[in-house]
Amino acid sequence: MNDHAITRMTSLLGRSGQHNGLAVQVIDLLADPLALVVQEIDDANSEIQLDAYGRPHSQRSRIWTICLFTDTSPRYLNPIALPWLDNEQIEILLRLITENR
């Protein structure tokens, strides 16, 4: 991956987006496979609360991983977490995250 792509990916850290009532925030990046680690956030709370160990404070928070570059469209690696979120919704959510300033 080139430097521009790495810079662009790093700029996504901390960004949030919302689609159909599902609000998420990018909390980490993975290099291989290239993916965003995204956590669901409570609408009433715009930031994720972490405990002293860096874990989500709320047990209700769900974390899942979205592969950005695959042979098909973006997909999430642990579908059990959000089985109702299809690839089209993920793409919309990713667009919201990347366009949200």
N, C-alpha and C. Protein backbone atom coordinates (compact mmCIF):
# COMPACT_ATOMS: atom_id res chain seq x y z
N MET A 1 0.85 -1.17 0.00
CA MET A 1 0.00 0.00 0.00
C MET A 1 0.90 1.24 0.00
N ASN A 2 0.54 2.23 -0.81
CA ASN A 2 1.38 3.43 -0.90
C ASN A 2 1.14 4.37 0.27
N ASP A 3 2.01 5.38 0.38
CA ASP A 3 1.93 6.31 1.51
C ASP A 3 0.61 7.08 1.53
N HIS A 4 0.11 7.45 0.34
CA HIS A 4 -1.15 8.20 0.28
C HIS A 4 -2.29 7.37 0.85
N ALA A 5 -2.33 6.09 0.49
CA ALA A 5 -3.40 5.21 0.99
C ALA A 5 -3.30 5.05 2.50
N ILE A 6 -2.08 4.91 3.01
CA ILE A 6 -1.89 4.77 4.46
C ILE A 6 -2.35 6.04 5.18
N THR A 7 -1.99 7.20 4.64
CA THR A 7 -2.41 8.47 5.24
C THR A 7 -3.92 8.59 5.23
N ARG A 8 -4.54 8.22 4.11
CA ARG A 8 -6.00 8.31 4.00
C ARG A 8 -6.67 7.38 5.00
N MET A 9 -6.14 6.16 5.13
CA MET A 9 -6.71 5.20 6.07
C MET A 9 -6.56 5.71 7.50
N THR A 10 -5.38 6.22 7.83
CA THR A 10 -5.14 6.71 9.18
C THR A 10 -6.08 7.86 9.51
N SER A 11 -6.43 8.66 8.51
CA SER A 11 -7.32 9.80 8.75
C SER A 11 -8.73 9.35 9.12
N LEU A 12 -9.05 8.09 8.88
CA LEU A 12 -10.38 7.58 9.23
C LEU A 12 -10.52 7.27 10.71
N LEU A 13 -9.40 7.12 11.41
CA LEU A 13 -9.46 6.78 12.83
C LEU A 13 -10.25 7.84 13.59
N GLY A 14 -11.19 7.39 14.39
CA GLY A 14 -11.99 8.29 15.20
C GLY A 14 -13.21 8.84 14.49
N ARG A 15 -13.28 8.66 13.18
CA ARG A 15 -14.44 9.18 12.45
C ARG A 15 -15.68 8.36 12.74
N SER A 16 -16.82 8.99 12.60
CA SER A 16 -18.07 8.28 12.85
C SER A 16 -19.04 8.53 11.71
N GLY A 17 -20.04 7.67 11.63
CA GLY A 17 -21.07 7.80 10.62
C GLY A 17 -22.33 7.12 11.11
N GLN A 18 -23.44 7.41 10.45
CA GLN A 18 -24.71 6.83 10.85
C GLN A 18 -25.53 6.50 9.62
N HIS A 19 -26.24 5.37 9.68
CA HIS A 19 -27.11 4.97 8.58
C HIS A 19 -28.26 4.16 9.15
N ASN A 20 -29.48 4.58 8.85
CA ASN A 20 -30.68 3.86 9.34
C ASN A 20 -30.63 3.62 10.85
N GLY A 21 -30.21 4.63 11.60
CA GLY A 21 -30.21 4.52 13.05
C GLY A 21 -29.02 3.79 13.64
N LEU A 22 -28.13 3.26 12.79
CA LEU A 22 -26.94 2.57 13.27
C LEU A 22 -25.78 3.56 13.23
N ALA A 23 -25.26 3.91 14.39
CA ALA A 23 -24.13 4.84 14.46
C ALA A 23 -22.87 4.06 14.79
N VAL A 24 -21.80 4.34 14.06
CA VAL A 24 -20.54 3.63 14.30
C VAL A 24 -19.38 4.62 14.32
N GLN A 25 -18.29 4.17 14.91
CA GLN A 25 -17.06 4.94 14.93
C GLN A 25 -15.90 4.01 14.59
N VAL A 26 -14.96 4.51 13.78
CA VAL A 26 -13.77 3.74 13.43
C VAL A 26 -12.83 3.77 14.63
N ILE A 27 -12.47 2.60 15.15
CA ILE A 27 -11.62 2.57 16.34
C ILE A 27 -10.24 1.99 16.08
N ASP A 28 -10.04 1.33 14.93
CA ASP A 28 -8.73 0.75 14.65
C ASP A 28 -8.65 0.40 13.17
N LEU A 29 -7.42 0.15 12.70
CA LEU A 29 -7.19 -0.29 11.34
C LEU A 29 -6.39 -1.58 11.39
N LEU A 30 -6.65 -2.46 10.45
CA LEU A 30 -5.87 -3.68 10.32
C LEU A 30 -5.13 -3.63 8.99
N ALA A 31 -3.90 -4.16 8.97
CA ALA A 31 -3.11 -4.09 7.75
C ALA A 31 -3.35 -5.29 6.82
N ASP A 32 -3.51 -6.47 7.37
CA ASP A 32 -3.62 -7.66 6.54
C ASP A 32 -4.65 -8.61 7.10
N PRO A 33 -5.83 -8.67 6.52
CA PRO A 33 -6.26 -7.90 5.36
C PRO A 33 -6.58 -6.47 5.76
N LEU A 34 -6.50 -5.57 4.78
CA LEU A 34 -6.81 -4.17 5.05
C LEU A 34 -8.26 -4.05 5.48
N ALA A 35 -8.47 -3.53 6.67
CA ALA A 35 -9.83 -3.49 7.20
C ALA A 35 -9.96 -2.36 8.21
N LEU A 36 -11.19 -1.93 8.38
CA LEU A 36 -11.53 -0.98 9.44
C LEU A 36 -12.14 -1.77 10.58
N VAL A 37 -11.75 -1.45 11.80
CA VAL A 37 -12.42 -2.00 12.96
C VAL A 37 -13.38 -0.93 13.43
N VAL A 38 -14.65 -1.28 13.44
CA VAL A 38 -15.71 -0.31 13.68
C VAL A 38 -16.51 -0.73 14.90
N GLN A 39 -16.87 0.24 15.73
CA GLN A 39 -17.67 -0.05 16.91
C GLN A 39 -18.99 0.71 16.84
N GLU A 40 -20.05 0.00 17.17
CA GLU A 40 -21.36 0.65 17.26
C GLU A 40 -21.34 1.60 18.45
N ILE A 41 -21.92 2.79 18.26
CA ILE A 41 -21.97 3.75 19.35
C ILE A 41 -23.42 4.11 19.64
N ASP A 42 -23.64 4.49 20.85
CA ASP A 42 -24.97 4.89 21.29
C ASP A 42 -25.27 6.27 20.73
N ASP A 43 -26.48 6.44 20.17
CA ASP A 43 -26.87 7.74 19.60
C ASP A 43 -26.74 8.87 20.62
N ALA A 44 -27.00 8.57 21.88
CA ALA A 44 -26.96 9.60 22.92
C ALA A 44 -25.53 9.98 23.29
N ASN A 45 -24.58 9.15 22.87
CA ASN A 45 -23.19 9.39 23.24
C ASN A 45 -22.34 9.39 21.98
N SER A 46 -21.82 10.53 21.60
CA SER A 46 -21.10 10.63 20.34
C SER A 46 -19.70 10.02 20.40
N GLU A 47 -19.21 9.76 21.59
CA GLU A 47 -17.89 9.16 21.72
C GLU A 47 -17.99 7.84 22.47
N ILE A 48 -17.09 6.95 22.12
CA ILE A 48 -17.03 5.65 22.79
C ILE A 48 -16.30 5.83 24.12
N GLN A 49 -16.86 5.31 25.17
CA GLN A 49 -16.21 5.37 26.47
C GLN A 49 -15.38 4.10 26.65
N LEU A 50 -14.09 4.27 26.92
CA LEU A 50 -13.20 3.14 27.11
C LEU A 50 -12.79 3.04 28.57
N ASP A 51 -12.57 1.80 29.02
CA ASP A 51 -12.12 1.63 30.39
C ASP A 51 -10.60 1.81 30.45
N ALA A 52 -10.01 1.55 31.61
CA ALA A 52 -8.58 1.76 31.80
C ALA A 52 -7.72 0.88 30.90
N TYR A 53 -8.29 -0.21 30.39
CA TYR A 53 -7.55 -1.13 29.52
C TYR A 53 -7.83 -0.86 28.05
N GLY A 54 -8.58 0.20 27.74
CA GLY A 54 -8.87 0.52 26.36
C GLY A 54 -10.01 -0.28 25.77
N ARG A 55 -10.76 -0.98 26.62
CA ARG A 55 -11.90 -1.76 26.13
C ARG A 55 -13.16 -0.92 26.18
N PRO A 56 -14.12 -1.22 25.32
CA PRO A 56 -15.38 -0.47 25.37
C PRO A 56 -16.01 -0.56 26.75
N HIS A 57 -16.44 0.55 27.27
CA HIS A 57 -17.03 0.59 28.61
C HIS A 57 -18.39 -0.09 28.63
N SER A 58 -19.16 0.10 27.59
CA SER A 58 -20.50 -0.47 27.54
C SER A 58 -20.46 -1.90 27.02
N GLN A 59 -21.07 -2.80 27.74
CA GLN A 59 -21.13 -4.19 27.29
C GLN A 59 -22.07 -4.34 26.09
N ARG A 60 -22.92 -3.33 25.87
CA ARG A 60 -23.85 -3.40 24.75
C ARG A 60 -23.17 -3.03 23.43
N SER A 61 -22.01 -2.42 23.49
CA SER A 61 -21.31 -2.02 22.28
C SER A 61 -20.91 -3.24 21.48
N ARG A 62 -21.08 -3.15 20.18
CA ARG A 62 -20.68 -4.25 19.31
C ARG A 62 -19.55 -3.77 18.41
N ILE A 63 -18.57 -4.61 18.25
CA ILE A 63 -17.41 -4.29 17.42
C ILE A 63 -17.36 -5.31 16.29
N TRP A 64 -17.12 -4.83 15.07
CA TRP A 64 -16.93 -5.76 13.97
C TRP A 64 -15.92 -5.18 13.00
N THR A 65 -15.50 -5.98 12.06
CA THR A 65 -14.43 -5.61 11.15
C THR A 65 -14.96 -5.58 9.73
N ILE A 66 -14.65 -4.54 9.00
CA ILE A 66 -15.07 -4.42 7.61
C ILE A 66 -13.83 -4.49 6.73
N CYS A 67 -13.75 -5.51 5.89
CA CYS A 67 -12.65 -5.60 4.92
C CYS A 67 -12.87 -4.56 3.84
N LEU A 68 -11.87 -3.76 3.56
CA LEU A 68 -12.03 -2.70 2.58
C LEU A 68 -11.74 -3.17 1.16
N PHE A 69 -10.76 -4.01 1.00
CA PHE A 69 -10.40 -4.46 -0.34
C PHE A 69 -10.44 -5.97 -0.39
N THR A 70 -11.46 -6.50 -1.04
CA THR A 70 -11.60 -7.94 -1.22
C THR A 70 -11.90 -8.18 -2.68
N ASP A 71 -12.01 -9.43 -3.07
CA ASP A 71 -12.32 -9.73 -4.46
C ASP A 71 -13.79 -9.41 -4.77
N THR A 72 -14.58 -9.18 -3.73
CA THR A 72 -15.97 -8.77 -3.93
C THR A 72 -16.15 -7.40 -3.29
N SER A 73 -17.35 -7.05 -2.97
CA SER A 73 -17.57 -5.76 -2.32
C SER A 73 -17.15 -5.84 -0.86
N PRO A 74 -17.04 -4.67 -0.19
CA PRO A 74 -16.66 -4.69 1.24
C PRO A 74 -17.58 -5.62 2.03
N ARG A 75 -17.01 -6.31 2.97
CA ARG A 75 -17.81 -7.25 3.76
C ARG A 75 -17.30 -7.19 5.20
N TYR A 76 -18.10 -7.70 6.09
CA TYR A 76 -17.64 -7.73 7.47
C TYR A 76 -17.26 -9.15 7.83
N LEU A 77 -16.26 -9.29 8.68
CA LEU A 77 -15.66 -10.59 8.95
C LEU A 77 -16.42 -11.39 9.98
N ASN A 78 -17.15 -10.73 10.85
CA ASN A 78 -17.90 -11.46 11.86
C ASN A 78 -19.39 -11.16 11.69
N PRO A 79 -20.04 -11.83 10.74
CA PRO A 79 -21.44 -11.51 10.42
C PRO A 79 -22.41 -11.77 11.54
N ILE A 80 -22.01 -12.53 12.54
CA ILE A 80 -22.91 -12.81 13.66
C ILE A 80 -23.23 -11.51 14.41
N ALA A 81 -22.28 -10.57 14.41
CA ALA A 81 -22.48 -9.33 15.15
C ALA A 81 -23.62 -8.49 14.57
N LEU A 82 -23.68 -8.38 13.26
CA LEU A 82 -24.69 -7.55 12.62
C LEU A 82 -25.24 -8.26 11.38
N PRO A 83 -26.02 -9.31 11.58
CA PRO A 83 -26.47 -10.10 10.42
C PRO A 83 -27.40 -9.34 9.49
N TRP A 84 -28.02 -8.26 9.98
CA TRP A 84 -28.96 -7.53 9.15
C TRP A 84 -28.28 -6.48 8.27
N LEU A 85 -27.00 -6.28 8.44
CA LEU A 85 -26.29 -5.26 7.67
C LEU A 85 -25.74 -5.90 6.40
N ASP A 86 -26.33 -5.57 5.25
CA ASP A 86 -25.87 -6.18 4.00
C ASP A 86 -24.76 -5.33 3.38
N ASN A 87 -24.18 -5.84 2.29
CA ASN A 87 -23.03 -5.17 1.68
C ASN A 87 -23.36 -3.75 1.23
N GLU A 88 -24.56 -3.54 0.71
CA GLU A 88 -24.94 -2.20 0.25
C GLU A 88 -24.97 -1.22 1.42
N GLN A 89 -25.52 -1.66 2.56
CA GLN A 89 -25.55 -0.80 3.74
C GLN A 89 -24.15 -0.51 4.25
N ILE A 90 -23.28 -1.52 4.19
CA ILE A 90 -21.90 -1.33 4.62
C ILE A 90 -21.22 -0.28 3.73
N GLU A 91 -21.45 -0.37 2.42
CA GLU A 91 -20.84 0.59 1.51
C GLU A 91 -21.35 2.01 1.80
N ILE A 92 -22.64 2.14 2.08
CA ILE A 92 -23.20 3.45 2.43
C ILE A 92 -22.56 3.96 3.71
N LEU A 93 -22.44 3.06 4.70
CA LEU A 93 -21.85 3.44 5.98
C LEU A 93 -20.40 3.86 5.80
N LEU A 94 -19.65 3.11 5.00
CA LEU A 94 -18.26 3.47 4.73
C LEU A 94 -18.16 4.83 4.05
N ARG A 95 -19.07 5.09 3.12
CA ARG A 95 -19.07 6.38 2.44
C ARG A 95 -19.34 7.51 3.44
N LEU A 96 -20.29 7.27 4.34
CA LEU A 96 -20.59 8.28 5.37
C LEU A 96 -19.38 8.53 6.26
N ILE A 97 -18.70 7.46 6.62
CA ILE A 97 -17.52 7.59 7.49
C ILE A 97 -16.42 8.36 6.76
N THR A 98 -16.17 8.00 5.50
CA THR A 98 -15.07 8.62 4.77
C THR A 98 -15.37 10.06 4.37
N GLU A 99 -16.66 10.39 4.19
CA GLU A 99 -17.02 11.75 3.79
C GLU A 99 -17.28 12.66 4.99
N ASN A 100 -17.51 12.08 6.16
CA ASN A 100 -17.82 12.87 7.35
C ASN A 100 -16.59 13.64 7.80
N ARG A 101 -16.72 14.93 7.88
CA ARG A 101 -15.59 15.77 8.31
C ARG A 101 -15.84 16.15 9.74
